[in-house]
């Protein structure tokens, strides 16, 4: 009898760089400081982090976070992104993590810093 295959369920807690989000408790920890989020903020951040460095369309986010295929009015998404940036970004108007990709959607960007002493990753001094 063939065994049924289940999709692996992603973990409720994701950590990328200095940010840890817990989807189930609606909390985010940034550099050891814990903040409570609204449930949809937590799910939105978790979804973007789950797909880090991949642009997610507004329609995808509306479906995954609000469980709706109605993507014509994304004001709810924009407002939640605004709130989320105010909570996790050091400078919300110049985001480091949560980026808008004009005409496409949003992306959580993270690149690991180069290891210490990695000369190839160090830019040359200005001449």
PDB file of N, CA and C in Angstrom:
ATOM      1  N   UNK A   1       0.840  -1.167   0.000  1.00  0.00           N
ATOM      2  CA  UNK A   1       0.000   0.000   0.000  1.00  0.00           C
ATOM      3  C   UNK A   1       0.898   1.247   0.000  1.00  0.00           C
ATOM      4  N   UNK A   2       0.716   2.157  -0.976  1.00  0.00           N
ATOM      5  CA  UNK A   2       1.595   3.324  -1.031  1.00  0.00           C
ATOM      6  C   UNK A   2       1.338   4.265   0.144  1.00  0.00           C
ATOM      7  N   UNK A   3       2.414   4.821   0.602  1.00  0.00           N
ATOM      8  CA  UNK A   3       2.348   5.766   1.707  1.00  0.00           C
ATOM      9  C   UNK A   3       1.951   7.144   1.172  1.00  0.00           C
ATOM     10  N   UNK A   4       1.006   7.809   1.835  1.00  0.00           N
ATOM     11  CA  UNK A   4       0.617   9.146   1.374  1.00  0.00           C
ATOM     12  C   UNK A   4       1.713  10.132   1.749  1.00  0.00           C
ATOM     13  N   UNK A   5       1.949  11.053   0.857  1.00  0.00           N
ATOM     14  CA  UNK A   5       2.987  12.043   1.095  1.00  0.00           C
ATOM     15  C   UNK A   5       2.354  13.338   1.557  1.00  0.00           C
ATOM     16  N   UNK A   6       2.874  13.840   2.628  1.00  0.00           N
ATOM     17  CA  UNK A   6       2.407  15.113   3.164  1.00  0.00           C
ATOM     18  C   UNK A   6       3.470  16.165   2.901  1.00  0.00           C
ATOM     19  N   UNK A   7       2.999  17.361   2.650  1.00  0.00           N
ATOM     20  CA  UNK A   7       3.924  18.473   2.546  1.00  0.00           C
ATOM     21  C   UNK A   7       4.487  18.751   3.924  1.00  0.00           C
ATOM     22  N   UNK A   8       5.774  19.017   3.974  1.00  0.00           N
ATOM     23  CA  UNK A   8       6.389  19.380   5.243  1.00  0.00           C
ATOM     24  C   UNK A   8       5.852  20.739   5.674  1.00  0.00           C
ATOM     25  N   UNK A   9       5.415  20.808   6.908  1.00  0.00           N
ATOM     26  CA  UNK A   9       4.907  22.068   7.439  1.00  0.00           C
ATOM     27  C   UNK A   9       6.086  22.909   7.914  1.00  0.00           C
ATOM     28  N   UNK A  10       6.177  24.145   7.436  1.00  0.00           N
ATOM     29  CA  UNK A  10       7.280  24.997   7.893  1.00  0.00           C
ATOM     30  C   UNK A  10       7.170  25.256   9.394  1.00  0.00           C
ATOM     31  N   UNK A  11       8.305  25.434  10.053  1.00  0.00           N
ATOM     32  CA  UNK A  11       8.265  25.682  11.500  1.00  0.00           C
ATOM     33  C   UNK A  11       7.624  27.034  11.811  1.00  0.00           C
ATOM     34  N   UNK A  12       6.993  27.158  12.991  1.00  0.00           N
ATOM     35  CA  UNK A  12       6.352  28.431  13.341  1.00  0.00           C
ATOM     36  C   UNK A  12       7.359  29.524  13.706  1.00  0.00           C
ATOM     37  N   UNK A  13       8.601  29.128  13.994  1.00  0.00           N
ATOM     38  CA  UNK A  13       9.628  30.100  14.386  1.00  0.00           C
ATOM     39  C   UNK A  13      10.703  30.127  13.307  1.00  0.00           C
ATOM     40  N   UNK A  14      10.965  31.333  12.783  1.00  0.00           N
ATOM     41  CA  UNK A  14      12.011  31.517  11.775  1.00  0.00           C
ATOM     42  C   UNK A  14      12.998  32.566  12.277  1.00  0.00           C
ATOM     43  N   UNK A  15      14.276  32.312  12.036  1.00  0.00           N
ATOM     44  CA  UNK A  15      15.317  33.275  12.370  1.00  0.00           C
ATOM     45  C   UNK A  15      16.154  33.533  11.139  1.00  0.00           C
ATOM     46  N   UNK A  16      16.281  34.808  10.809  1.00  0.00           N
ATOM     47  CA  UNK A  16      17.160  35.222   9.725  1.00  0.00           C
ATOM     48  C   UNK A  16      17.914  36.440  10.233  1.00  0.00           C
ATOM     49  N   UNK A  17      19.240  36.302  10.272  1.00  0.00           N
ATOM     50  CA  UNK A  17      20.058  37.400  10.780  1.00  0.00           C
ATOM     51  C   UNK A  17      19.641  37.741  12.196  1.00  0.00           C
ATOM     52  N   UNK A  18      19.407  39.029  12.478  1.00  0.00           N
ATOM     53  CA  UNK A  18      19.070  39.446  13.845  1.00  0.00           C
ATOM     54  C   UNK A  18      17.587  39.315  14.189  1.00  0.00           C
ATOM     55  N   UNK A  19      16.775  38.817  13.249  1.00  0.00           N
ATOM     56  CA  UNK A  19      15.329  38.795  13.451  1.00  0.00           C
ATOM     57  C   UNK A  19      14.811  37.370  13.627  1.00  0.00           C
ATOM     58  N   UNK A  20      14.034  37.167  14.696  1.00  0.00           N
ATOM     59  CA  UNK A  20      13.337  35.903  14.922  1.00  0.00           C
ATOM     60  C   UNK A  20      11.861  36.226  15.038  1.00  0.00           C
ATOM     61  N   UNK A  21      11.039  35.560  14.241  1.00  0.00           N
ATOM     62  CA  UNK A  21       9.595  35.755  14.317  1.00  0.00           C
ATOM     63  C   UNK A  21       8.949  34.439  14.721  1.00  0.00           C
ATOM     64  N   UNK A  22       7.978  34.544  15.635  1.00  0.00           N
ATOM     65  CA  UNK A  22       7.202  33.386  16.049  1.00  0.00           C
ATOM     66  C   UNK A  22       5.768  33.615  15.585  1.00  0.00           C
ATOM     67  N   UNK A  23       5.383  32.875  14.583  1.00  0.00           N
ATOM     68  CA  UNK A  23       4.055  33.010  13.988  1.00  0.00           C
ATOM     69  C   UNK A  23       2.955  32.689  15.000  1.00  0.00           C
ATOM     70  N   UNK A  24       3.182  31.693  15.850  1.00  0.00           N
ATOM     71  CA  UNK A  24       2.145  31.235  16.773  1.00  0.00           C
ATOM     72  C   UNK A  24       1.906  32.192  17.939  1.00  0.00           C
ATOM     73  N   UNK A  25       2.976  32.813  18.454  1.00  0.00           N
ATOM     74  CA  UNK A  25       2.813  33.734  19.585  1.00  0.00           C
ATOM     75  C   UNK A  25       2.742  35.190  19.136  1.00  0.00           C
ATOM     76  N   UNK A  26       2.887  35.435  17.845  1.00  0.00           N
ATOM     77  CA  UNK A  26       2.848  36.787  17.269  1.00  0.00           C
ATOM     78  C   UNK A  26       3.861  37.704  17.946  1.00  0.00           C
ATOM     79  N   UNK A  27       5.101  37.197  18.010  1.00  0.00           N
ATOM     80  CA  UNK A  27       6.176  38.000  18.569  1.00  0.00           C
ATOM     81  C   UNK A  27       7.347  38.043  17.604  1.00  0.00           C
ATOM     82  N   UNK A  28       8.128  39.096  17.727  1.00  0.00           N
ATOM     83  CA  UNK A  28       9.354  39.225  16.953  1.00  0.00           C
ATOM     84  C   UNK A  28      10.460  39.616  17.930  1.00  0.00           C
ATOM     85  N   UNK A  29      11.629  39.012  17.736  1.00  0.00           N
ATOM     86  CA  UNK A  29      12.790  39.344  18.559  1.00  0.00           C
ATOM     87  C   UNK A  29      13.844  39.904  17.625  1.00  0.00           C
ATOM     88  N   UNK A  30      14.280  41.120  17.927  1.00  0.00           N
ATOM     89  CA  UNK A  30      15.309  41.770  17.132  1.00  0.00           C
ATOM     90  C   UNK A  30      16.440  42.142  18.077  1.00  0.00           C
ATOM     91  N   UNK A  31      17.605  41.547  17.831  1.00  0.00           N
ATOM     92  CA  UNK A  31      18.760  41.818  18.698  1.00  0.00           C
ATOM     93  C   UNK A  31      18.387  41.701  20.177  1.00  0.00           C
ATOM     94  N   UNK A  32      17.751  40.601  20.536  1.00  0.00           N
ATOM     95  CA  UNK A  32      17.386  40.254  21.918  1.00  0.00           C
ATOM     96  C   UNK A  32      16.235  41.078  22.493  1.00  0.00           C
ATOM     97  N   UNK A  33      15.633  41.970  21.727  1.00  0.00           N
ATOM     98  CA  UNK A  33      14.477  42.734  22.207  1.00  0.00           C
ATOM     99  C   UNK A  33      13.210  42.126  21.607  1.00  0.00           C
ATOM    100  N   UNK A  34      12.274  41.714  22.459  1.00  0.00           N
ATOM    101  CA  UNK A  34      11.042  41.047  22.020  1.00  0.00           C
ATOM    102  C   UNK A  34       9.902  42.066  21.960  1.00  0.00           C
ATOM    103  N   UNK A  35       9.142  42.001  20.867  1.00  0.00           N
ATOM    104  CA  UNK A  35       7.965  42.850  20.695  1.00  0.00           C
ATOM    105  C   UNK A  35       6.783  41.984  20.308  1.00  0.00           C
ATOM    106  N   UNK A  36       5.609  42.370  20.774  1.00  0.00           N
ATOM    107  CA  UNK A  36       4.379  41.699  20.333  1.00  0.00           C
ATOM    108  C   UNK A  36       3.952  42.329  19.018  1.00  0.00           C
ATOM    109  N   UNK A  37       3.444  41.495  18.140  1.00  0.00           N
ATOM    110  CA  UNK A  37       2.909  41.949  16.862  1.00  0.00           C
ATOM    111  C   UNK A  37       1.428  41.627  16.814  1.00  0.00           C
ATOM    112  N   UNK A  38       0.718  42.286  15.926  1.00  0.00           N
ATOM    113  CA  UNK A  38      -0.651  41.868  15.626  1.00  0.00           C
ATOM    114  C   UNK A  38      -0.535  40.530  14.891  1.00  0.00           C
ATOM    115  N   UNK A  39      -1.516  39.652  15.026  1.00  0.00           N
ATOM    116  CA  UNK A  39      -1.429  38.335  14.377  1.00  0.00           C
ATOM    117  C   UNK A  39      -1.137  38.412  12.871  1.00  0.00           C
ATOM    118  N   UNK A  40      -1.777  39.325  12.156  1.00  0.00           N
ATOM    119  CA  UNK A  40      -1.529  39.430  10.715  1.00  0.00           C
ATOM    120  C   UNK A  40      -0.140  39.979  10.421  1.00  0.00           C
ATOM    121  N   UNK A  41       0.371  40.865  11.276  1.00  0.00           N
ATOM    122  CA  UNK A  41       1.742  41.353  11.105  1.00  0.00           C
ATOM    123  C   UNK A  41       2.726  40.190  11.246  1.00  0.00           C
ATOM    124  N   UNK A  42       2.500  39.358  12.252  1.00  0.00           N
ATOM    125  CA  UNK A  42       3.382  38.217  12.483  1.00  0.00           C
ATOM    126  C   UNK A  42       3.334  37.247  11.303  1.00  0.00           C
ATOM    127  N   UNK A  43       2.134  36.964  10.804  1.00  0.00           N
ATOM    128  CA  UNK A  43       1.998  36.050   9.672  1.00  0.00           C
ATOM    129  C   UNK A  43       2.611  36.647   8.410  1.00  0.00           C
ATOM    130  N   UNK A  44       2.449  37.946   8.215  1.00  0.00           N
ATOM    131  CA  UNK A  44       3.041  38.616   7.052  1.00  0.00           C
ATOM    132  C   UNK A  44       4.563  38.567   7.123  1.00  0.00           C
ATOM    133  N   UNK A  45       5.145  38.903   8.266  1.00  0.00           N
ATOM    134  CA  UNK A  45       6.600  38.851   8.420  1.00  0.00           C
ATOM    135  C   UNK A  45       7.104  37.429   8.261  1.00  0.00           C
ATOM    136  N   UNK A  46       6.428  36.475   8.884  1.00  0.00           N
ATOM    137  CA  UNK A  46       6.820  35.064   8.793  1.00  0.00           C
ATOM    138  C   UNK A  46       6.798  34.596   7.331  1.00  0.00           C
ATOM    139  N   UNK A  47       5.759  34.977   6.596  1.00  0.00           N
ATOM    140  CA  UNK A  47       5.633  34.572   5.191  1.00  0.00           C
ATOM    141  C   UNK A  47       6.761  35.165   4.352  1.00  0.00           C
ATOM    142  N   UNK A  48       7.047  36.440   4.561  1.00  0.00           N
ATOM    143  CA  UNK A  48       8.136  37.077   3.807  1.00  0.00           C
ATOM    144  C   UNK A  48       9.488  36.463   4.169  1.00  0.00           C
ATOM    145  N   UNK A  49       9.691  36.146   5.445  1.00  0.00           N
ATOM    146  CA  UNK A  49      10.953  35.528   5.860  1.00  0.00           C
ATOM    147  C   UNK A  49      11.067  34.097   5.350  1.00  0.00           C
ATOM    148  N   UNK A  50       9.958  33.392   5.289  1.00  0.00           N
ATOM    149  CA  UNK A  50       9.963  32.029   4.753  1.00  0.00           C
ATOM    150  C   UNK A  50      10.439  32.025   3.302  1.00  0.00           C
ATOM    151  N   UNK A  51      10.133  33.105   2.593  1.00  0.00           N
ATOM    152  CA  UNK A  51      10.512  33.244   1.184  1.00  0.00           C
ATOM    153  C   UNK A  51      11.558  34.352   1.034  1.00  0.00           C
ATOM    154  N   UNK A  52      12.488  34.432   1.972  1.00  0.00           N
ATOM    155  CA  UNK A  52      13.486  35.507   1.990  1.00  0.00           C
ATOM    156  C   UNK A  52      14.217  35.607   0.657  1.00  0.00           C
ATOM    157  N   UNK A  53      14.485  36.844   0.273  1.00  0.00           N
ATOM    158  CA  UNK A  53      15.198  37.178  -0.963  1.00  0.00           C
ATOM    159  C   UNK A  53      14.437  36.797  -2.223  1.00  0.00           C
ATOM    160  N   UNK A  54      13.143  36.540  -2.093  1.00  0.00           N
ATOM    161  CA  UNK A  54      12.268  36.247  -3.228  1.00  0.00           C
ATOM    162  C   UNK A  54      11.139  37.265  -3.213  1.00  0.00           C
ATOM    163  N   UNK A  55      10.942  37.955  -4.327  1.00  0.00           N
ATOM    164  CA  UNK A  55       9.863  38.927  -4.407  1.00  0.00           C
ATOM    165  C   UNK A  55       8.532  38.184  -4.407  1.00  0.00           C
ATOM    166  N   UNK A  56       7.650  38.600  -3.506  1.00  0.00           N
ATOM    167  CA  UNK A  56       6.311  38.024  -3.442  1.00  0.00           C
ATOM    168  C   UNK A  56       5.328  39.076  -3.925  1.00  0.00           C
ATOM    169  N   UNK A  57       4.462  38.681  -4.841  1.00  0.00           N
ATOM    170  CA  UNK A  57       3.481  39.626  -5.377  1.00  0.00           C
ATOM    171  C   UNK A  57       2.451  39.962  -4.312  1.00  0.00           C
ATOM    172  N   UNK A  58       1.780  41.076  -4.522  1.00  0.00           N
ATOM    173  CA  UNK A  58       0.712  41.467  -3.605  1.00  0.00           C
ATOM    174  C   UNK A  58      -0.378  40.393  -3.582  1.00  0.00           C
ATOM    175  N   UNK A  59      -0.686  39.831  -4.751  1.00  0.00           N
ATOM    176  CA  UNK A  59      -1.709  38.780  -4.828  1.00  0.00           C
ATOM    177  C   UNK A  59      -1.304  37.558  -4.003  1.00  0.00           C
ATOM    178  N   UNK A  60      -0.030  37.150  -4.080  1.00  0.00           N
ATOM    179  CA  UNK A  60       0.449  36.012  -3.294  1.00  0.00           C
ATOM    180  C   UNK A  60       0.297  36.285  -1.798  1.00  0.00           C
ATOM    181  N   UNK A  61       0.711  37.476  -1.394  1.00  0.00           N
ATOM    182  CA  UNK A  61       0.634  37.814   0.024  1.00  0.00           C
ATOM    183  C   UNK A  61      -0.804  37.908   0.505  1.00  0.00           C
ATOM    184  N   UNK A  62      -1.673  38.485  -0.307  1.00  0.00           N
ATOM    185  CA  UNK A  62      -3.087  38.556   0.078  1.00  0.00           C
ATOM    186  C   UNK A  62      -3.658  37.146   0.254  1.00  0.00           C
ATOM    187  N   UNK A  63      -3.269  36.225  -0.614  1.00  0.00           N
ATOM    188  CA  UNK A  63      -3.772  34.851  -0.528  1.00  0.00           C
ATOM    189  C   UNK A  63      -3.196  34.137   0.691  1.00  0.00           C
ATOM    190  N   UNK A  64      -1.883  34.262   0.922  1.00  0.00           N
ATOM    191  CA  UNK A  64      -1.240  33.521   2.008  1.00  0.00           C
ATOM    192  C   UNK A  64      -1.547  34.087   3.389  1.00  0.00           C
ATOM    193  N   UNK A  65      -1.713  35.404   3.497  1.00  0.00           N
ATOM    194  CA  UNK A  65      -1.917  36.017   4.809  1.00  0.00           C
ATOM    195  C   UNK A  65      -3.394  36.243   5.110  1.00  0.00           C
ATOM    196  N   UNK A  66      -4.148  36.719   4.121  1.00  0.00           N
ATOM    197  CA  UNK A  66      -5.568  37.022   4.344  1.00  0.00           C
ATOM    198  C   UNK A  66      -6.502  35.969   3.747  1.00  0.00           C
ATOM    199  N   UNK A  67      -5.931  34.967   3.086  1.00  0.00           N
ATOM    200  CA  UNK A  67      -6.701  33.868   2.501  1.00  0.00           C
ATOM    201  C   UNK A  67      -7.791  34.367   1.562  1.00  0.00           C
ATOM    202  N   UNK A  68      -7.422  35.324   0.729  1.00  0.00           N
ATOM    203  CA  UNK A  68      -8.357  35.858  -0.253  1.00  0.00           C
ATOM    204  C   UNK A  68      -7.680  35.963  -1.608  1.00  0.00           C
ATOM    205  N   UNK A  69      -8.438  35.742  -2.637  1.00  0.00           N
ATOM    206  CA  UNK A  69      -7.918  35.906  -3.986  1.00  0.00           C
ATOM    207  C   UNK A  69      -8.184  37.311  -4.506  1.00  0.00           C
ATOM    208  N   UNK A  70      -8.831  38.129  -3.688  1.00  0.00           N
ATOM    209  CA  UNK A  70      -9.159  39.487  -4.101  1.00  0.00           C
ATOM    210  C   UNK A  70      -7.923  40.351  -3.897  1.00  0.00           C
ATOM    211  N   UNK A  71      -7.200  40.621  -4.963  1.00  0.00           N
ATOM    212  CA  UNK A  71      -5.958  41.375  -4.869  1.00  0.00           C
ATOM    213  C   UNK A  71      -6.063  42.763  -5.496  1.00  0.00           C
ATOM    214  N   UNK A  72      -7.275  43.162  -5.901  1.00  0.00           N
ATOM    215  CA  UNK A  72      -7.424  44.481  -6.510  1.00  0.00           C
ATOM    216  C   UNK A  72      -7.222  45.603  -5.499  1.00  0.00           C
ATOM    217  N   UNK A  73      -7.643  45.389  -4.269  1.00  0.00           N
ATOM    218  CA  UNK A  73      -7.480  46.398  -3.239  1.00  0.00           C
ATOM    219  C   UNK A  73      -6.457  45.889  -2.234  1.00  0.00           C
ATOM    220  N   UNK A  74      -5.227  46.371  -2.360  1.00  0.00           N
ATOM    221  CA  UNK A  74      -4.164  45.895  -1.480  1.00  0.00           C
ATOM    222  C   UNK A  74      -3.824  46.911  -0.395  1.00  0.00           C
ATOM    223  N   UNK A  75      -4.729  47.839  -0.129  1.00  0.00           N
ATOM    224  CA  UNK A  75      -4.474  48.857   0.891  1.00  0.00           C
ATOM    225  C   UNK A  75      -4.231  48.211   2.259  1.00  0.00           C
ATOM    226  N   UNK A  76      -4.952  47.160   2.569  1.00  0.00           N
ATOM    227  CA  UNK A  76      -4.743  46.450   3.833  1.00  0.00           C
ATOM    228  C   UNK A  76      -3.303  45.969   3.933  1.00  0.00           C
ATOM    229  N   UNK A  77      -2.799  45.383   2.861  1.00  0.00           N
ATOM    230  CA  UNK A  77      -1.415  44.904   2.830  1.00  0.00           C
ATOM    231  C   UNK A  77      -0.444  46.066   3.013  1.00  0.00           C
ATOM    232  N   UNK A  78      -0.670  47.164   2.314  1.00  0.00           N
ATOM    233  CA  UNK A  78       0.222  48.318   2.416  1.00  0.00           C
ATOM    234  C   UNK A  78       0.252  48.878   3.837  1.00  0.00           C
ATOM    235  N   UNK A  79      -0.908  48.952   4.470  1.00  0.00           N
ATOM    236  CA  UNK A  79      -0.976  49.453   5.845  1.00  0.00           C
ATOM    237  C   UNK A  79      -0.229  48.520   6.788  1.00  0.00           C
ATOM    238  N   UNK A  80      -0.409  47.215   6.635  1.00  0.00           N
ATOM    239  CA  UNK A  80       0.296  46.256   7.494  1.00  0.00           C
ATOM    240  C   UNK A  80       1.811  46.328   7.266  1.00  0.00           C
ATOM    241  N   UNK A  81       2.242  46.517   6.035  1.00  0.00           N
ATOM    242  CA  UNK A  81       3.676  46.669   5.760  1.00  0.00           C
ATOM    243  C   UNK A  81       4.203  47.927   6.451  1.00  0.00           C
ATOM    244  N   UNK A  82       3.439  48.992   6.415  1.00  0.00           N
ATOM    245  CA  UNK A  82       3.831  50.240   7.080  1.00  0.00           C
ATOM    246  C   UNK A  82       4.000  49.995   8.583  1.00  0.00           C
ATOM    247  N   UNK A  83       3.005  49.359   9.197  1.00  0.00           N
ATOM    248  CA  UNK A  83       3.082  49.068  10.626  1.00  0.00           C
ATOM    249  C   UNK A  83       4.280  48.179  10.946  1.00  0.00           C
ATOM    250  N   UNK A  84       4.497  47.160  10.131  1.00  0.00           N
ATOM    251  CA  UNK A  84       5.592  46.219  10.354  1.00  0.00           C
ATOM    252  C   UNK A  84       6.949  46.913  10.242  1.00  0.00           C
ATOM    253  N   UNK A  85       7.098  47.760   9.251  1.00  0.00           N
ATOM    254  CA  UNK A  85       8.357  48.503   9.110  1.00  0.00           C
ATOM    255  C   UNK A  85       8.605  49.380  10.336  1.00  0.00           C
ATOM    256  N   UNK A  86       7.564  50.002  10.844  1.00  0.00           N
ATOM    257  CA  UNK A  86       7.724  50.855  12.026  1.00  0.00           C
ATOM    258  C   UNK A  86       8.178  50.040  13.232  1.00  0.00           C
ATOM    259  N   UNK A  87       7.823  48.767  13.265  1.00  0.00           N
ATOM    260  CA  UNK A  87       8.191  47.915  14.400  1.00  0.00           C
ATOM    261  C   UNK A  87       9.588  47.318  14.280  1.00  0.00           C
ATOM    262  N   UNK A  88      10.016  46.955  13.061  1.00  0.00           N
ATOM    263  CA  UNK A  88      11.275  46.206  12.965  1.00  0.00           C
ATOM    264  C   UNK A  88      12.422  46.950  12.290  1.00  0.00           C
ATOM    265  N   UNK A  89      12.135  47.990  11.564  1.00  0.00           N
ATOM    266  CA  UNK A  89      13.192  48.696  10.836  1.00  0.00           C
ATOM    267  C   UNK A  89      13.784  49.817  11.692  1.00  0.00           C
ATOM    268  N   UNK A  90      15.112  49.945  11.721  1.00  0.00           N
ATOM    269  CA  UNK A  90      15.714  51.072  12.443  1.00  0.00           C
ATOM    270  C   UNK A  90      15.286  52.415  11.828  1.00  0.00           C
ATOM    271  N   UNK A  91      15.213  52.473  10.511  1.00  0.00           N
ATOM    272  CA  UNK A  91      14.761  53.664   9.789  1.00  0.00           C
ATOM    273  C   UNK A  91      13.651  53.226   8.836  1.00  0.00           C
ATOM    274  N   UNK A  92      12.383  53.288   9.271  1.00  0.00           N
ATOM    275  CA  UNK A  92      11.274  52.759   8.457  1.00  0.00           C
ATOM    276  C   UNK A  92      11.187  53.337   7.041  1.00  0.00           C
ATOM    277  N   UNK A  93      11.598  54.594   6.859  1.00  0.00           N
ATOM    278  CA  UNK A  93      11.525  55.192   5.516  1.00  0.00           C
ATOM    279  C   UNK A  93      12.667  54.733   4.615  1.00  0.00           C
ATOM    280  N   UNK A  94      13.677  54.133   5.214  1.00  0.00           N
ATOM    281  CA  UNK A  94      14.801  53.567   4.450  1.00  0.00           C
ATOM    282  C   UNK A  94      14.997  52.127   4.926  1.00  0.00           C
ATOM    283  N   UNK A  95      14.075  51.246   4.548  1.00  0.00           N
ATOM    284  CA  UNK A  95      14.087  49.884   5.110  1.00  0.00           C
ATOM    285  C   UNK A  95      15.346  49.091   4.761  1.00  0.00           C
ATOM    286  N   UNK A  96      15.754  48.319   5.737  1.00  0.00           N
ATOM    287  CA  UNK A  96      16.900  47.428   5.568  1.00  0.00           C
ATOM    288  C   UNK A  96      16.438  46.012   5.210  1.00  0.00           C
ATOM    289  N   UNK A  97      15.297  45.594   5.760  1.00  0.00           N
ATOM    290  CA  UNK A  97      14.806  44.228   5.577  1.00  0.00           C
ATOM    291  C   UNK A  97      13.601  44.147   4.641  1.00  0.00           C
ATOM    292  N   UNK A  98      12.599  44.967   4.866  1.00  0.00           N
ATOM    293  CA  UNK A  98      11.327  44.870   4.134  1.00  0.00           C
ATOM    294  C   UNK A  98      11.303  45.882   2.994  1.00  0.00           C
ATOM    295  N   UNK A  99      11.456  45.378   1.782  1.00  0.00           N
ATOM    296  CA  UNK A  99      11.565  46.244   0.613  1.00  0.00           C
ATOM    297  C   UNK A  99      10.343  46.124  -0.291  1.00  0.00           C
ATOM    298  N   UNK A 100       9.959  47.261  -0.862  1.00  0.00           N
ATOM    299  CA  UNK A 100       8.932  47.296  -1.901  1.00  0.00           C
ATOM    300  C   UNK A 100       9.637  47.188  -3.232  1.00  0.00           C
ATOM    301  N   UNK A 101       9.169  46.291  -4.089  1.00  0.00           N
ATOM    302  CA  UNK A 101       9.692  46.180  -5.447  1.00  0.00           C
ATOM    303  C   UNK A 101       8.587  46.713  -6.351  1.00  0.00           C
ATOM    304  N   UNK A 102       8.794  47.935  -6.815  1.00  0.00           N
ATOM    305  CA  UNK A 102       7.762  48.646  -7.573  1.00  0.00           C
ATOM    306  C   UNK A 102       7.207  47.794  -8.714  1.00  0.00           C
ATOM    307  N   UNK A 103       5.880  47.702  -8.740  1.00  0.00           N
ATOM    308  CA  UNK A 103       5.196  46.967  -9.790  1.00  0.00           C
ATOM    309  C   UNK A 103       5.213  45.459  -9.625  1.00  0.00           C
ATOM    310  N   UNK A 104       5.897  44.964  -8.563  1.00  0.00           N
ATOM    311  CA  UNK A 104       5.995  43.516  -8.368  1.00  0.00           C
ATOM    312  C   UNK A 104       5.465  43.043  -7.025  1.00  0.00           C
ATOM    313  N   UNK A 105       5.885  43.677  -5.943  1.00  0.00           N
ATOM    314  CA  UNK A 105       5.433  43.239  -4.632  1.00  0.00           C
ATOM    315  C   UNK A 105       6.414  43.620  -3.544  1.00  0.00           C
ATOM    316  N   UNK A 106       6.632  42.685  -2.615  1.00  0.00           N
ATOM    317  CA  UNK A 106       7.497  42.939  -1.470  1.00  0.00           C
ATOM    318  C   UNK A 106       8.496  41.801  -1.314  1.00  0.00           C
ATOM    319  N   UNK A 107       9.613  42.111  -0.638  1.00  0.00           N
ATOM    320  CA  UNK A 107      10.640  41.108  -0.395  1.00  0.00           C
ATOM    321  C   UNK A 107      11.295  41.370   0.952  1.00  0.00           C
ATOM    322  N   UNK A 108      11.581  40.296   1.684  1.00  0.00           N
ATOM    323  CA  UNK A 108      12.421  40.366   2.877  1.00  0.00           C
ATOM    324  C   UNK A 108      13.827  40.054   2.394  1.00  0.00           C
ATOM    325  N   UNK A 109      14.719  41.048   2.473  1.00  0.00           N
ATOM    326  CA  UNK A 109      16.087  40.851   1.987  1.00  0.00           C
ATOM    327  C   UNK A 109      17.037  40.641   3.150  1.00  0.00           C
ATOM    328  N   UNK A 110      17.868  39.635   2.961  1.00  0.00           N
ATOM    329  CA  UNK A 110      18.928  39.386   3.942  1.00  0.00           C
ATOM    330  C   UNK A 110      20.092  38.730   3.229  1.00  0.00           C
ATOM    331  N   UNK A 111      21.261  39.261   3.490  1.00  0.00           N
ATOM    332  CA  UNK A 111      22.489  38.631   3.023  1.00  0.00           C
ATOM    333  C   UNK A 111      23.374  38.456   4.236  1.00  0.00           C
ATOM    334  N   UNK A 112      23.932  37.254   4.378  1.00  0.00           N
ATOM    335  CA  UNK A 112      24.852  37.028   5.485  1.00  0.00           C
ATOM    336  C   UNK A 112      26.060  37.929   5.316  1.00  0.00           C
ATOM    337  N   UNK A 113      26.525  38.538   6.408  1.00  0.00           N
ATOM    338  CA  UNK A 113      27.731  39.357   6.294  1.00  0.00           C
ATOM    339  C   UNK A 113      28.930  38.465   5.973  1.00  0.00           C
ATOM    340  N   UNK A 114      29.937  39.016   5.314  1.00  0.00           N
ATOM    341  CA  UNK A 114      31.110  38.200   5.001  1.00  0.00           C
ATOM    342  C   UNK A 114      31.818  37.766   6.282  1.00  0.00           C
ATOM    343  N   UNK A 115      32.442  36.596   6.256  1.00  0.00           N
ATOM    344  CA  UNK A 115      33.153  36.140   7.452  1.00  0.00           C
ATOM    345  C   UNK A 115      34.325  37.074   7.761  1.00  0.00           C
ATOM    346  N   UNK A 116      34.698  37.193   9.037  1.00  0.00           N
ATOM    347  CA  UNK A 116      35.817  38.063   9.393  1.00  0.00           C
ATOM    348  C   UNK A 116      37.089  37.637   8.677  1.00  0.00           C
ATOM    349  N   UNK A 117      37.824  38.608   8.173  1.00  0.00           N
ATOM    350  CA  UNK A 117      39.086  38.316   7.494  1.00  0.00           C
ATOM    351  C   UNK A 117      38.930  37.877   6.053  1.00  0.00           C
ATOM    352  N   UNK A 118      37.711  37.911   5.515  1.00  0.00           N
ATOM    353  CA  UNK A 118      37.485  37.520   4.122  1.00  0.00           C
ATOM    354  C   UNK A 118      37.877  38.697   3.241  1.00  0.00           C
ATOM    355  N   UNK A 119      39.099  38.664   2.731  1.00  0.00           N
ATOM    356  CA  UNK A 119      39.637  39.773   1.953  1.00  0.00           C
ATOM    357  C   UNK A 119      38.883  39.984   0.649  1.00  0.00           C
ATOM    358  N   UNK A 120      38.362  38.901   0.056  1.00  0.00           N
ATOM    359  CA  UNK A 120      37.664  39.015  -1.221  1.00  0.00           C
ATOM    360  C   UNK A 120      36.358  39.802  -1.064  1.00  0.00           C
ATOM    361  N   UNK A 121      35.766  39.770   0.108  1.00  0.00           N
ATOM    362  CA  UNK A 121      34.491  40.456   0.329  1.00  0.00           C
ATOM    363  C   UNK A 121      34.695  41.901   0.777  1.00  0.00           C
ATOM    364  N   UNK A 122      35.939  42.263   1.108  1.00  0.00           N
ATOM    365  CA  UNK A 122      36.208  43.611   1.569  1.00  0.00           C
ATOM    366  C   UNK A 122      36.471  44.514   0.376  1.00  0.00           C
ATOM    367  N   UNK A 123      35.703  45.603   0.252  1.00  0.00           N
ATOM    368  CA  UNK A 123      35.930  46.490  -0.889  1.00  0.00           C
ATOM    369  C   UNK A 123      37.274  47.194  -0.769  1.00  0.00           C
ATOM    370  N   UNK A 124      37.913  47.461  -1.892  1.00  0.00           N
ATOM    371  CA  UNK A 124      39.201  48.151  -1.844  1.00  0.00           C
ATOM    372  C   UNK A 124      39.017  49.582  -1.358  1.00  0.00           C
ATOM    373  N   UNK A 125      40.033  50.155  -0.704  1.00  0.00           N
ATOM    374  CA  UNK A 125      39.920  51.542  -0.242  1.00  0.00           C
ATOM    375  C   UNK A 125      39.850  52.489  -1.444  1.00  0.00           C
ATOM    376  N   UNK A 126      39.173  53.615  -1.224  1.00  0.00           N
ATOM    377  CA  UNK A 126      39.075  54.611  -2.313  1.00  0.00           C
ATOM    378  C   UNK A 126      40.446  55.215  -2.576  1.00  0.00           C
ATOM    379  N   UNK A 127      40.724  55.400  -3.838  1.00  0.00           N
ATOM    380  CA  UNK A 127      42.033  55.971  -4.212  1.00  0.00           C
ATOM    381  C   UNK A 127      41.931  57.463  -4.338  1.00  0.00           C
TER     382      UNK A 127
END
